[in-house]
Amino acid sequence: MEFTAKQIASYIGGKVEGDDNATVNTFAKIEEGKAGAISFLSNPKYIHYIYDTESSIVLIDNSMELDKPVKATLIRVDNAYECVAKLLQLYESAKPKKKGIDPLASISPSATVGNDVYIGAFACIGDGATIGDGTQIYPHAVVGDGVTVGSGCIIYPNVTIYQGCQLGNNVVVHAGAVIGADGFGFAPNTECYDKIPQIGIVTIEDNVEIGANTCIDRSTMGSTVIRKGVKLDNLIQVAHNVEIGENTVMSAQVGIAGSTKVGAWCMFGGQVGLAGHIHIGDKTFLGAQSGVPGNIKGNQTLIGTPPMEPKAYFKSQAIFRKLPELYKEINELKKQVDELKNK
């Protein structure tokens, strides 16, 4: 499909500078622009690319000032990054959706499958499972006994959803993710470890996205809960009985130990680690590789282990780099003090 600059500007509320009738049918990074592509510019570090880009249209922030004319047609907007996200969503929604049930899929006679559902080859739908309208389940995915998957969901290949778990509407689960595996519960005895049965489930509310190879463990009792709007990156571990508040986002390799409660609208960088049985308040922002041993009140930006305010953290790191020299100086001073005492 092709769109003109005028149509795009109307959709995102922008102002065209150049040819209203310039057309595009694909997207490209501004440094890799080509004819028929739309790019965007919101970071001043990339402004030099706009003068040579071959893209037909470039979305650009109103605040950007250019030193010389450009070949591309510009669409000025308040926030180019947000607008390109809207256009990408429109582009994605225009793609035809898969429908129909592959004859090689395995569906239990007691399962309930809604309208306009796609179930790919070798996908398996267990006893008593429910699949909502318009949901897509790709090849080799496993939806266990008694699982509920809402409407408009996308379950990508090789996802495994264990028995009894519940997914809301418009949930996206990327390839290889595991939802509802046993929580890590073992009780030591004199000879070995006794497994503690994990009899709970995982509950995932509406509009959640779960990255590839992410694991969300079922609870010992009750439910591990992922609230609406949560976005989890690839390779995240969510342990048993954890609760993640609505609209919280986490980057890759975050690990959350059991029974920890995370508030709403939090943001965690990559490889953040949270101890178990703690509470993280709403709107907590944790920098990459932060290690959190205890409770955190909300509305804070923290980094490090244990987490501290960024200014204090970077000051501490500056001192840490000087520790070998300081150690030598302290030893020299100690020797001098000992000599003075001896005298």
C-alpha atoms as a PDB file:
ATOM      1  CA  MET A   1       0.000   0.000   0.000  1.00  0.00           C
ATOM      2  CA  GLU A   2       1.135   3.523  -0.789  1.00  0.00           C
ATOM      3  CA  PHE A   3       0.450   6.660   1.239  1.00  0.00           C
ATOM      4  CA  THR A   4       1.045  10.291   0.347  1.00  0.00           C
ATOM      5  CA  ALA A   5       2.703  12.867   2.566  1.00  0.00           C
ATOM      6  CA  LYS A   6      -0.654  14.650   2.798  1.00  0.00           C
ATOM      7  CA  GLN A   7      -2.428  11.489   4.010  1.00  0.00           C
ATOM      8  CA  ILE A   8       0.275  10.744   6.561  1.00  0.00           C
ATOM      9  CA  ALA A   9       0.321  14.312   7.872  1.00  0.00           C
ATOM     10  CA  SER A  10      -3.447  14.236   8.263  1.00  0.00           C
ATOM     11  CA  TYR A  11      -3.281  10.952  10.212  1.00  0.00           C
ATOM     12  CA  ILE A  12      -0.591  12.088  12.678  1.00  0.00           C
ATOM     13  CA  GLY A  13      -1.443  15.786  12.831  1.00  0.00           C
ATOM     14  CA  GLY A  14       1.730  17.013  11.112  1.00  0.00           C
ATOM     15  CA  LYS A  15       2.623  19.783   8.678  1.00  0.00           C
ATOM     16  CA  VAL A  16       4.121  19.002   5.245  1.00  0.00           C
ATOM     17  CA  GLU A  17       7.187  20.869   4.014  1.00  0.00           C
ATOM     18  CA  GLY A  18       7.724  19.923   0.367  1.00  0.00           C
ATOM     19  CA  ASP A  19       5.676  17.741  -1.977  1.00  0.00           C
ATOM     20  CA  ASP A  20       2.203  16.904  -0.607  1.00  0.00           C
ATOM     21  CA  ASN A  21       1.948  14.104  -3.148  1.00  0.00           C
ATOM     22  CA  ALA A  22       5.239  12.359  -2.322  1.00  0.00           C
ATOM     23  CA  THR A  23       4.424   8.675  -1.782  1.00  0.00           C
ATOM     24  CA  VAL A  24       5.920   5.938   0.388  1.00  0.00           C
ATOM     25  CA  ASN A  25       5.307   2.211   0.760  1.00  0.00           C
ATOM     26  CA  THR A  26       7.918   1.146   3.304  1.00  0.00           C
ATOM     27  CA  PHE A  27      10.034   2.282   6.272  1.00  0.00           C
ATOM     28  CA  ALA A  28      13.791   2.823   6.521  1.00  0.00           C
ATOM     29  CA  LYS A  29      16.306   4.207   8.991  1.00  0.00           C
ATOM     30  CA  ILE A  30      17.334   7.687   7.954  1.00  0.00           C
ATOM     31  CA  GLU A  31      20.943   6.597   7.333  1.00  0.00           C
ATOM     32  CA  GLU A  32      19.703   3.756   5.102  1.00  0.00           C
ATOM     33  CA  GLY A  33      17.022   5.733   3.284  1.00  0.00           C
ATOM     34  CA  LYS A  34      15.777   4.809  -0.173  1.00  0.00           C
ATOM     35  CA  ALA A  35      13.185   6.054  -2.625  1.00  0.00           C
ATOM     36  CA  GLY A  36       9.656   5.181  -1.541  1.00  0.00           C
ATOM     37  CA  ALA A  37      10.596   4.940   2.161  1.00  0.00           C
ATOM     38  CA  ILE A  38       9.627   7.050   5.156  1.00  0.00           C
ATOM     39  CA  SER A  39      12.192   7.738   7.896  1.00  0.00           C
ATOM     40  CA  PHE A  40      12.168   9.772  11.090  1.00  0.00           C
ATOM     41  CA  LEU A  41      14.527  12.141  12.880  1.00  0.00           C
ATOM     42  CA  SER A  42      14.167  12.902  16.578  1.00  0.00           C
ATOM     43  CA  ASN A  43      17.748  12.626  17.868  1.00  0.00           C
ATOM     44  CA  PRO A  44      20.005  15.619  17.038  1.00  0.00           C
ATOM     45  CA  LYS A  45      22.988  13.217  16.787  1.00  0.00           C
ATOM     46  CA  TYR A  46      21.555  11.960  13.470  1.00  0.00           C
ATOM     47  CA  ILE A  47      20.680  15.326  11.952  1.00  0.00           C
ATOM     48  CA  HIS A  48      23.553  15.201   9.430  1.00  0.00           C
ATOM     49  CA  TYR A  49      21.882  12.223   7.710  1.00  0.00           C
ATOM     50  CA  ILE A  50      18.869  14.271   6.657  1.00  0.00           C
ATOM     51  CA  TYR A  51      20.844  16.208   4.056  1.00  0.00           C
ATOM     52  CA  ASP A  52      21.822  13.085   2.101  1.00  0.00           C
ATOM     53  CA  THR A  53      19.077  10.570   2.848  1.00  0.00           C
ATOM     54  CA  GLU A  54      17.346   9.007  -0.137  1.00  0.00           C
ATOM     55  CA  SER A  55      14.078   8.534   1.797  1.00  0.00           C
ATOM     56  CA  SER A  56      11.107  10.189   0.110  1.00  0.00           C
ATOM     57  CA  ILE A  57       9.575  11.450   3.381  1.00  0.00           C
ATOM     58  CA  VAL A  58      11.127  12.195   6.774  1.00  0.00           C
ATOM     59  CA  LEU A  59       9.205  12.770   9.993  1.00  0.00           C
ATOM     60  CA  ILE A  60      11.021  15.443  11.973  1.00  0.00           C
ATOM     61  CA  ASP A  61      10.487  17.144  15.331  1.00  0.00           C
ATOM     62  CA  ASN A  62       9.247  20.724  15.189  1.00  0.00           C
ATOM     63  CA  SER A  63      12.181  21.712  17.376  1.00  0.00           C
ATOM     64  CA  MET A  64      14.792  20.578  14.796  1.00  0.00           C
ATOM     65  CA  GLU A  65      16.455  23.449  12.904  1.00  0.00           C
ATOM     66  CA  LEU A  66      18.120  22.673   9.562  1.00  0.00           C
ATOM     67  CA  ASP A  67      21.113  24.552   8.143  1.00  0.00           C
ATOM     68  CA  LYS A  68      20.425  23.906   4.457  1.00  0.00           C
ATOM     69  CA  PRO A  69      17.740  22.550   2.118  1.00  0.00           C
ATOM     70  CA  VAL A  70      16.952  18.820   1.957  1.00  0.00           C
ATOM     71  CA  LYS A  71      15.770  16.577  -0.903  1.00  0.00           C
ATOM     72  CA  ALA A  72      13.170  14.699   1.129  1.00  0.00           C
ATOM     73  CA  THR A  73       9.662  15.937   1.849  1.00  0.00           C
ATOM     74  CA  LEU A  74       9.431  16.731   5.556  1.00  0.00           C
ATOM     75  CA  ILE A  75       6.497  16.232   7.883  1.00  0.00           C
ATOM     76  CA  ARG A  76       6.910  18.365  11.007  1.00  0.00           C
ATOM     77  CA  VAL A  77       5.411  16.963  14.238  1.00  0.00           C
ATOM     78  CA  ASP A  78       5.825  17.531  17.965  1.00  0.00           C
ATOM     79  CA  ASN A  79       7.302  14.070  18.547  1.00  0.00           C
ATOM     80  CA  ALA A  80       8.596  12.142  15.526  1.00  0.00           C
ATOM     81  CA  TYR A  81       9.371   9.024  17.560  1.00  0.00           C
ATOM     82  CA  GLU A  82       5.782   8.737  18.809  1.00  0.00           C
ATOM     83  CA  CYS A  83       4.402   9.385  15.337  1.00  0.00           C
ATOM     84  CA  VAL A  84       6.510   6.722  13.647  1.00  0.00           C
ATOM     85  CA  ALA A  85       5.279   4.280  16.286  1.00  0.00           C
ATOM     86  CA  LYS A  86       1.682   5.106  15.285  1.00  0.00           C
ATOM     87  CA  LEU A  87       2.498   4.612  11.618  1.00  0.00           C
ATOM     88  CA  LEU A  88       4.215   1.292  12.295  1.00  0.00           C
ATOM     89  CA  GLN A  89       1.138   0.131  14.204  1.00  0.00           C
ATOM     90  CA  LEU A  90      -1.050   1.151  11.257  1.00  0.00           C
ATOM     91  CA  TYR A  91       1.282  -0.668   8.842  1.00  0.00           C
ATOM     92  CA  GLU A  92       1.249  -3.809  10.986  1.00  0.00           C
ATOM     93  CA  SER A  93      -2.531  -3.799  11.366  1.00  0.00           C
ATOM     94  CA  ALA A  94      -2.927  -3.613   7.572  1.00  0.00           C
ATOM     95  CA  LYS A  95      -1.150  -6.946   7.101  1.00  0.00           C
ATOM     96  CA  PRO A  96      -3.522  -9.852   6.435  1.00  0.00           C
ATOM     97  CA  LYS A  97      -4.038 -12.055   9.497  1.00  0.00           C
ATOM     98  CA  LYS A  98      -3.739 -15.806   9.347  1.00  0.00           C
ATOM     99  CA  LYS A  99      -6.998 -17.694   9.828  1.00  0.00           C
ATOM    100  CA  GLY A 100      -8.114 -21.265   9.845  1.00  0.00           C
ATOM    101  CA  ILE A 101      -7.080 -24.434  11.616  1.00  0.00           C
ATOM    102  CA  ASP A 102      -4.301 -26.476  10.085  1.00  0.00           C
ATOM    103  CA  PRO A 103      -5.239 -30.157   9.707  1.00  0.00           C
ATOM    104  CA  LEU A 104      -2.007 -31.069  11.489  1.00  0.00           C
ATOM    105  CA  ALA A 105      -3.002 -29.150  14.652  1.00  0.00           C
ATOM    106  CA  SER A 106      -4.056 -31.234  17.666  1.00  0.00           C
ATOM    107  CA  ILE A 107      -7.174 -29.861  19.369  1.00  0.00           C
ATOM    108  CA  SER A 108      -8.912 -31.641  22.222  1.00  0.00           C
ATOM    109  CA  PRO A 109     -12.599 -32.354  21.595  1.00  0.00           C
ATOM    110  CA  SER A 110     -13.362 -30.655  24.917  1.00  0.00           C
ATOM    111  CA  ALA A 111     -11.563 -27.423  23.964  1.00  0.00           C
ATOM    112  CA  THR A 112     -13.555 -24.332  22.980  1.00  0.00           C
ATOM    113  CA  VAL A 113     -12.259 -22.394  19.970  1.00  0.00           C
ATOM    114  CA  GLY A 114     -13.705 -18.992  19.028  1.00  0.00           C
ATOM    115  CA  ASN A 115     -14.367 -17.397  15.651  1.00  0.00           C
ATOM    116  CA  ASP A 116     -11.690 -16.316  13.151  1.00  0.00           C
ATOM    117  CA  VAL A 117      -8.990 -18.207  15.027  1.00  0.00           C
ATOM    118  CA  TYR A 118      -5.734 -19.403  13.469  1.00  0.00           C
ATOM    119  CA  ILE A 119      -4.110 -22.561  14.811  1.00  0.00           C
ATOM    120  CA  GLY A 120      -0.944 -23.647  13.012  1.00  0.00           C
ATOM    121  CA  ALA A 121       0.508 -27.044  12.231  1.00  0.00           C
ATOM    122  CA  PHE A 122       1.541 -29.171  15.223  1.00  0.00           C
ATOM    123  CA  ALA A 123       0.100 -26.707  17.729  1.00  0.00           C
ATOM    124  CA  CYS A 124      -1.564 -28.532  20.624  1.00  0.00           C
ATOM    125  CA  ILE A 125      -4.695 -27.363  22.462  1.00  0.00           C
ATOM    126  CA  GLY A 126      -5.396 -29.312  25.659  1.00  0.00           C
ATOM    127  CA  ASP A 127      -8.531 -30.607  27.339  1.00  0.00           C
ATOM    128  CA  GLY A 128     -10.951 -27.907  28.435  1.00  0.00           C
ATOM    129  CA  ALA A 129      -8.854 -25.068  27.003  1.00  0.00           C
ATOM    130  CA  THR A 130     -10.609 -21.949  25.704  1.00  0.00           C
ATOM    131  CA  ILE A 131      -9.326 -19.877  22.774  1.00  0.00           C
ATOM    132  CA  GLY A 132     -10.954 -16.471  22.214  1.00  0.00           C
ATOM    133  CA  ASP A 133     -12.092 -14.900  18.948  1.00  0.00           C
ATOM    134  CA  GLY A 134      -9.419 -13.728  16.518  1.00  0.00           C
ATOM    135  CA  THR A 135      -6.537 -15.309  18.418  1.00  0.00           C
ATOM    136  CA  GLN A 136      -3.576 -16.676  16.468  1.00  0.00           C
ATOM    137  CA  ILE A 137      -1.671 -19.711  17.710  1.00  0.00           C
ATOM    138  CA  TYR A 138       1.407 -20.478  15.644  1.00  0.00           C
ATOM    139  CA  PRO A 139       2.972 -23.894  14.902  1.00  0.00           C
ATOM    140  CA  HIS A 140       4.333 -26.021  17.750  1.00  0.00           C
ATOM    141  CA  ALA A 141       2.754 -23.868  20.468  1.00  0.00           C
ATOM    142  CA  VAL A 142       1.260 -25.791  23.396  1.00  0.00           C
ATOM    143  CA  VAL A 143      -1.831 -24.543  25.214  1.00  0.00           C
ATOM    144  CA  GLY A 144      -2.311 -26.842  28.206  1.00  0.00           C
ATOM    145  CA  ASP A 145      -5.377 -28.347  29.817  1.00  0.00           C
ATOM    146  CA  GLY A 146      -7.832 -25.809  31.206  1.00  0.00           C
ATOM    147  CA  VAL A 147      -5.908 -22.790  29.872  1.00  0.00           C
ATOM    148  CA  THR A 148      -7.891 -19.688  28.912  1.00  0.00           C
ATOM    149  CA  VAL A 149      -6.553 -17.491  26.101  1.00  0.00           C
ATOM    150  CA  GLY A 150      -8.586 -14.344  25.429  1.00  0.00           C
ATOM    151  CA  SER A 151      -9.528 -12.614  22.190  1.00  0.00           C
ATOM    152  CA  GLY A 152      -7.050 -11.050  19.777  1.00  0.00           C
ATOM    153  CA  CYS A 153      -4.014 -12.780  21.268  1.00  0.00           C
ATOM    154  CA  ILE A 154      -0.907 -13.882  19.361  1.00  0.00           C
ATOM    155  CA  ILE A 155       0.898 -16.988  20.605  1.00  0.00           C
ATOM    156  CA  TYR A 156       4.067 -17.424  18.561  1.00  0.00           C
ATOM    157  CA  PRO A 157       5.825 -20.738  17.732  1.00  0.00           C
ATOM    158  CA  ASN A 158       7.103 -22.991  20.510  1.00  0.00           C
ATOM    159  CA  VAL A 159       5.373 -21.112  23.312  1.00  0.00           C
ATOM    160  CA  THR A 160       4.297 -23.380  26.174  1.00  0.00           C
ATOM    161  CA  ILE A 161       1.392 -22.400  28.423  1.00  0.00           C
ATOM    162  CA  TYR A 162       0.982 -24.875  31.279  1.00  0.00           C
ATOM    163  CA  GLN A 163      -2.307 -26.141  32.633  1.00  0.00           C
ATOM    164  CA  GLY A 164      -4.808 -23.769  34.188  1.00  0.00           C
ATOM    165  CA  CYS A 165      -3.109 -20.479  33.316  1.00  0.00           C
ATOM    166  CA  GLN A 166      -5.251 -17.545  32.226  1.00  0.00           C
ATOM    167  CA  LEU A 167      -4.452 -14.972  29.542  1.00  0.00           C
ATOM    168  CA  GLY A 168      -6.580 -11.893  28.905  1.00  0.00           C
ATOM    169  CA  ASN A 169      -7.290 -10.139  25.616  1.00  0.00           C
ATOM    170  CA  ASN A 170      -4.688  -8.820  23.157  1.00  0.00           C
ATOM    171  CA  VAL A 171      -1.816 -10.639  24.828  1.00  0.00           C
ATOM    172  CA  VAL A 172       1.301 -11.282  22.705  1.00  0.00           C
ATOM    173  CA  VAL A 173       3.652 -14.101  23.713  1.00  0.00           C
ATOM    174  CA  HIS A 174       6.825 -14.436  21.653  1.00  0.00           C
ATOM    175  CA  ALA A 175       8.580 -17.625  20.590  1.00  0.00           C
ATOM    176  CA  GLY A 176       9.944 -19.956  23.223  1.00  0.00           C
ATOM    177  CA  ALA A 177       8.323 -18.270  26.230  1.00  0.00           C
ATOM    178  CA  VAL A 178       7.126 -20.561  29.015  1.00  0.00           C
ATOM    179  CA  ILE A 179       4.141 -19.567  31.137  1.00  0.00           C
ATOM    180  CA  GLY A 180       3.219 -21.571  34.193  1.00  0.00           C
ATOM    181  CA  ALA A 181       6.238 -23.837  34.741  1.00  0.00           C
ATOM    182  CA  ASP A 182       6.678 -24.831  38.399  1.00  0.00           C
ATOM    183  CA  GLY A 183       7.977 -22.242  40.803  1.00  0.00           C
ATOM    184  CA  PHE A 184      11.378 -23.071  42.303  1.00  0.00           C
ATOM    185  CA  GLY A 185      10.174 -24.566  45.582  1.00  0.00           C
ATOM    186  CA  PHE A 186      12.172 -27.199  47.486  1.00  0.00           C
ATOM    187  CA  ALA A 187      12.372 -28.011  51.199  1.00  0.00           C
ATOM    188  CA  PRO A 188      15.692 -29.409  52.484  1.00  0.00           C
ATOM    189  CA  ASN A 189      15.677 -32.567  54.594  1.00  0.00           C
ATOM    190  CA  THR A 190      18.562 -34.567  56.043  1.00  0.00           C
ATOM    191  CA  GLU A 191      19.236 -36.385  52.779  1.00  0.00           C
ATOM    192  CA  CYS A 192      18.026 -34.232  49.871  1.00  0.00           C
ATOM    193  CA  TYR A 193      15.405 -31.681  48.866  1.00  0.00           C
ATOM    194  CA  ASP A 194      11.683 -32.398  48.880  1.00  0.00           C
ATOM    195  CA  LYS A 195       9.798 -30.772  46.028  1.00  0.00           C
ATOM    196  CA  ILE A 196       7.013 -28.439  47.146  1.00  0.00           C
ATOM    197  CA  PRO A 197       4.119 -28.920  44.701  1.00  0.00           C
ATOM    198  CA  GLN A 198       3.224 -25.714  42.871  1.00  0.00           C
ATOM    199  CA  ILE A 199      -0.561 -25.840  42.659  1.00  0.00           C
ATOM    200  CA  GLY A 200      -1.276 -22.241  41.619  1.00  0.00           C
ATOM    201  CA  ILE A 201      -1.469 -20.638  38.175  1.00  0.00           C
ATOM    202  CA  VAL A 202      -0.288 -17.612  36.196  1.00  0.00           C
ATOM    203  CA  THR A 203      -2.770 -14.831  35.432  1.00  0.00           C
ATOM    204  CA  ILE A 204      -1.916 -12.410  32.624  1.00  0.00           C
ATOM    205  CA  GLU A 205      -4.241  -9.454  32.117  1.00  0.00           C
ATOM    206  CA  ASP A 206      -5.089  -7.582  28.902  1.00  0.00           C
ATOM    207  CA  ASN A 207      -2.603  -5.916  26.533  1.00  0.00           C
ATOM    208  CA  VAL A 208       0.490  -7.619  27.911  1.00  0.00           C
ATOM    209  CA  GLU A 209       3.485  -8.458  25.697  1.00  0.00           C
ATOM    210  CA  ILE A 210       5.967 -11.151  26.724  1.00  0.00           C
ATOM    211  CA  GLY A 211       9.339 -11.480  25.002  1.00  0.00           C
ATOM    212  CA  ALA A 212      11.009 -14.544  23.541  1.00  0.00           C
ATOM    213  CA  ASN A 213      12.297 -17.175  25.980  1.00  0.00           C
ATOM    214  CA  THR A 214      10.882 -15.347  28.975  1.00  0.00           C
ATOM    215  CA  CYS A 215       9.689 -17.583  31.826  1.00  0.00           C
ATOM    216  CA  ILE A 216       6.839 -16.806  34.214  1.00  0.00           C
ATOM    217  CA  ASP A 217       6.478 -19.413  36.968  1.00  0.00           C
ATOM    218  CA  ARG A 218       3.172 -20.594  38.389  1.00  0.00           C
ATOM    219  CA  SER A 219       2.525 -19.812  42.049  1.00  0.00           C
ATOM    220  CA  THR A 220       2.843 -22.212  44.939  1.00  0.00           C
ATOM    221  CA  MET A 221      -0.760 -21.327  45.779  1.00  0.00           C
ATOM    222  CA  GLY A 222      -2.965 -18.621  44.309  1.00  0.00           C
ATOM    223  CA  SER A 223      -1.532 -16.901  41.247  1.00  0.00           C
ATOM    224  CA  THR A 224       1.512 -15.190  39.812  1.00  0.00           C
ATOM    225  CA  VAL A 225      -0.026 -12.017  38.330  1.00  0.00           C
ATOM    226  CA  ILE A 226       1.011  -9.841  35.397  1.00  0.00           C
ATOM    227  CA  ARG A 227      -1.249  -6.788  35.344  1.00  0.00           C
ATOM    228  CA  LYS A 228      -2.629  -5.078  32.239  1.00  0.00           C
ATOM    229  CA  GLY A 229      -0.294  -3.243  29.881  1.00  0.00           C
ATOM    230  CA  VAL A 230       2.928  -4.833  31.169  1.00  0.00           C
ATOM    231  CA  LYS A 231       5.720  -5.231  28.593  1.00  0.00           C
ATOM    232  CA  LEU A 232       8.423  -7.819  29.251  1.00  0.00           C
ATOM    233  CA  ASP A 233      11.514  -8.120  27.058  1.00  0.00           C
ATOM    234  CA  ASN A 234      13.270 -11.356  26.070  1.00  0.00           C
ATOM    235  CA  LEU A 235      14.947 -13.673  28.580  1.00  0.00           C
ATOM    236  CA  ILE A 236      13.216 -12.431  31.737  1.00  0.00           C
ATOM    237  CA  GLN A 237      12.610 -14.649  34.772  1.00  0.00           C
ATOM    238  CA  VAL A 238       9.506 -14.015  36.880  1.00  0.00           C
ATOM    239  CA  ALA A 239       9.370 -16.348  39.875  1.00  0.00           C
ATOM    240  CA  HIS A 240       6.388 -17.833  41.686  1.00  0.00           C
ATOM    241  CA  ASN A 241       3.832 -15.592  43.411  1.00  0.00           C
ATOM    242  CA  VAL A 242       5.306 -12.417  41.921  1.00  0.00           C
ATOM    243  CA  GLU A 243       2.940  -9.582  41.036  1.00  0.00           C
ATOM    244  CA  ILE A 244       3.878  -6.978  38.411  1.00  0.00           C
ATOM    245  CA  GLY A 245       1.785  -3.805  38.388  1.00  0.00           C
ATOM    246  CA  GLU A 246       0.079  -2.374  35.343  1.00  0.00           C
ATOM    247  CA  ASN A 247       2.069  -0.707  32.547  1.00  0.00           C
ATOM    248  CA  THR A 248       5.432  -1.680  34.012  1.00  0.00           C
ATOM    249  CA  VAL A 249       8.195  -2.382  31.462  1.00  0.00           C
ATOM    250  CA  MET A 250      11.335  -4.487  31.874  1.00  0.00           C
ATOM    251  CA  SER A 251      14.378  -4.928  29.625  1.00  0.00           C
ATOM    252  CA  ALA A 252      16.130  -8.200  28.867  1.00  0.00           C
ATOM    253  CA  GLN A 253      17.506 -10.519  31.565  1.00  0.00           C
ATOM    254  CA  VAL A 254      15.651  -8.984  34.496  1.00  0.00           C
ATOM    255  CA  GLY A 255      15.206 -11.536  37.287  1.00  0.00           C
ATOM    256  CA  ILE A 256      12.547 -11.309  39.993  1.00  0.00           C
ATOM    257  CA  ALA A 257      12.631 -13.699  42.948  1.00  0.00           C
ATOM    258  CA  GLY A 258       9.537 -15.235  44.520  1.00  0.00           C
ATOM    259  CA  SER A 259       6.697 -13.321  46.182  1.00  0.00           C
ATOM    260  CA  THR A 260       8.013  -9.881  45.220  1.00  0.00           C
ATOM    261  CA  LYS A 261       5.450  -7.192  44.381  1.00  0.00           C
ATOM    262  CA  VAL A 262       6.315  -4.612  41.713  1.00  0.00           C
ATOM    263  CA  GLY A 263       4.207  -1.468  41.394  1.00  0.00           C
ATOM    264  CA  ALA A 264       2.634   0.212  38.376  1.00  0.00           C
ATOM    265  CA  TRP A 265       4.472   2.229  35.724  1.00  0.00           C
ATOM    266  CA  CYS A 266       7.920   1.021  36.765  1.00  0.00           C
ATOM    267  CA  MET A 267      10.836   0.792  34.319  1.00  0.00           C
ATOM    268  CA  PHE A 268      13.716  -1.663  34.809  1.00  0.00           C
ATOM    269  CA  GLY A 269      16.890  -1.688  32.700  1.00  0.00           C
ATOM    270  CA  GLY A 270      18.625  -4.847  31.553  1.00  0.00           C
ATOM    271  CA  GLN A 271      19.835  -7.415  34.100  1.00  0.00           C
ATOM    272  CA  VAL A 272      18.122  -5.822  37.089  1.00  0.00           C
ATOM    273  CA  GLY A 273      17.814  -8.356  39.908  1.00  0.00           C
ATOM    274  CA  LEU A 274      15.185  -8.238  42.666  1.00  0.00           C
ATOM    275  CA  ALA A 275      15.346 -10.258  45.866  1.00  0.00           C
ATOM    276  CA  GLY A 276      12.306 -12.183  47.035  1.00  0.00           C
ATOM    277  CA  HIS A 277       9.502 -11.049  49.362  1.00  0.00           C
ATOM    278  CA  ILE A 278      10.077  -7.321  48.787  1.00  0.00           C
ATOM    279  CA  HIS A 279       7.880  -4.478  47.538  1.00  0.00           C
ATOM    280  CA  ILE A 280       8.798  -2.003  44.785  1.00  0.00           C
ATOM    281  CA  GLY A 281       6.645   1.135  44.753  1.00  0.00           C
ATOM    282  CA  ASP A 282       4.932   2.682  41.739  1.00  0.00           C
ATOM    283  CA  LYS A 283       7.028   4.620  39.201  1.00  0.00           C
ATOM    284  CA  THR A 284      10.347   3.188  40.293  1.00  0.00           C
ATOM    285  CA  PHE A 285      13.047   3.483  37.621  1.00  0.00           C
ATOM    286  CA  LEU A 286      16.010   1.111  38.020  1.00  0.00           C
ATOM    287  CA  GLY A 287      19.156   1.421  35.916  1.00  0.00           C
ATOM    288  CA  ALA A 288      20.723  -1.589  34.211  1.00  0.00           C
ATOM    289  CA  GLN A 289      22.340  -4.225  36.461  1.00  0.00           C
ATOM    290  CA  SER A 290      20.869  -2.781  39.640  1.00  0.00           C
ATOM    291  CA  GLY A 291      20.594  -5.296  42.461  1.00  0.00           C
ATOM    292  CA  VAL A 292      17.700  -4.736  44.854  1.00  0.00           C
ATOM    293  CA  PRO A 293      17.871  -6.463  48.261  1.00  0.00           C
ATOM    294  CA  GLY A 294      14.992  -4.663  49.996  1.00  0.00           C
ATOM    295  CA  ASN A 295      11.853  -2.559  49.660  1.00  0.00           C
ATOM    296  CA  ILE A 296      11.862   0.631  47.561  1.00  0.00           C
ATOM    297  CA  LYS A 297       9.429   3.502  47.878  1.00  0.00           C
ATOM    298  CA  GLY A 298       7.981   4.710  44.585  1.00  0.00           C
ATOM    299  CA  ASN A 299       8.695   7.766  42.426  1.00  0.00           C
ATOM    300  CA  GLN A 300      12.461   7.280  42.421  1.00  0.00           C
ATOM    301  CA  THR A 301      15.239   6.786  39.872  1.00  0.00           C
ATOM    302  CA  LEU A 302      17.958   4.506  41.232  1.00  0.00           C
ATOM    303  CA  ILE A 303      20.971   2.568  40.019  1.00  0.00           C
ATOM    304  CA  GLY A 304      23.598   0.214  41.438  1.00  0.00           C
ATOM    305  CA  THR A 305      23.804  -2.457  44.135  1.00  0.00           C
ATOM    306  CA  PRO A 306      22.310  -1.582  46.513  1.00  0.00           C
ATOM    307  CA  PRO A 307      20.431   1.007  44.466  1.00  0.00           C
ATOM    308  CA  MET A 308      21.155   4.680  45.060  1.00  0.00           C
ATOM    309  CA  GLU A 309      20.422   7.968  43.339  1.00  0.00           C
ATOM    310  CA  PRO A 310      22.329   8.295  40.051  1.00  0.00           C
ATOM    311  CA  LYS A 311      24.409  11.289  41.189  1.00  0.00           C
ATOM    312  CA  ALA A 312      25.594   9.462  44.311  1.00  0.00           C
ATOM    313  CA  TYR A 313      26.193   6.285  42.303  1.00  0.00           C
ATOM    314  CA  PHE A 314      28.454   7.938  39.741  1.00  0.00           C
ATOM    315  CA  LYS A 315      30.373   9.772  42.479  1.00  0.00           C
ATOM    316  CA  SER A 316      30.877   6.442  44.238  1.00  0.00           C
ATOM    317  CA  GLN A 317      32.099   4.836  41.021  1.00  0.00           C
ATOM    318  CA  ALA A 318      34.624   7.623  40.555  1.00  0.00           C
ATOM    319  CA  ILE A 319      35.987   6.932  44.058  1.00  0.00           C
ATOM    320  CA  PHE A 320      35.915   3.169  43.472  1.00  0.00           C
ATOM    321  CA  ARG A 321      38.279   3.521  40.516  1.00  0.00           C
ATOM    322  CA  LYS A 322      40.765   5.305  42.767  1.00  0.00           C
ATOM    323  CA  LEU A 323      40.706   2.678  45.547  1.00  0.00           C
ATOM    324  CA  PRO A 324      44.047   0.990  44.600  1.00  0.00           C
ATOM    325  CA  GLU A 325      45.843   4.348  44.775  1.00  0.00           C
ATOM    326  CA  LEU A 326      44.050   5.297  47.987  1.00  0.00           C
ATOM    327  CA  TYR A 327      45.001   1.928  49.497  1.00  0.00           C
ATOM    328  CA  LYS A 328      48.673   2.570  48.761  1.00  0.00           C
ATOM    329  CA  GLU A 329      48.461   6.066  50.199  1.00  0.00           C
ATOM    330  CA  ILE A 330      46.793   4.794  53.374  1.00  0.00           C
ATOM    331  CA  ASN A 331      49.536   2.167  53.833  1.00  0.00           C
ATOM    332  CA  GLU A 332      52.230   4.821  53.369  1.00  0.00           C
ATOM    333  CA  LEU A 333      50.512   7.071  55.912  1.00  0.00           C
ATOM    334  CA  LYS A 334      50.219   4.138  58.323  1.00  0.00           C
ATOM    335  CA  LYS A 335      53.957   3.472  58.025  1.00  0.00           C
ATOM    336  CA  GLN A 336      54.713   7.144  58.710  1.00  0.00           C
ATOM    337  CA  VAL A 337      52.426   7.152  61.756  1.00  0.00           C
ATOM    338  CA  ASP A 338      54.109   3.985  63.090  1.00  0.00           C
ATOM    339  CA  GLU A 339      57.551   5.550  62.618  1.00  0.00           C
ATOM    340  CA  LEU A 340      56.463   8.666  64.475  1.00  0.00           C
ATOM    341  CA  LYS A 341      55.093   6.516  67.328  1.00  0.00           C
ATOM    342  CA  ASN A 342      58.398   4.600  67.542  1.00  0.00           C
ATOM    343  CA  LYS A 343      60.344   7.863  67.772  1.00  0.00           C
END
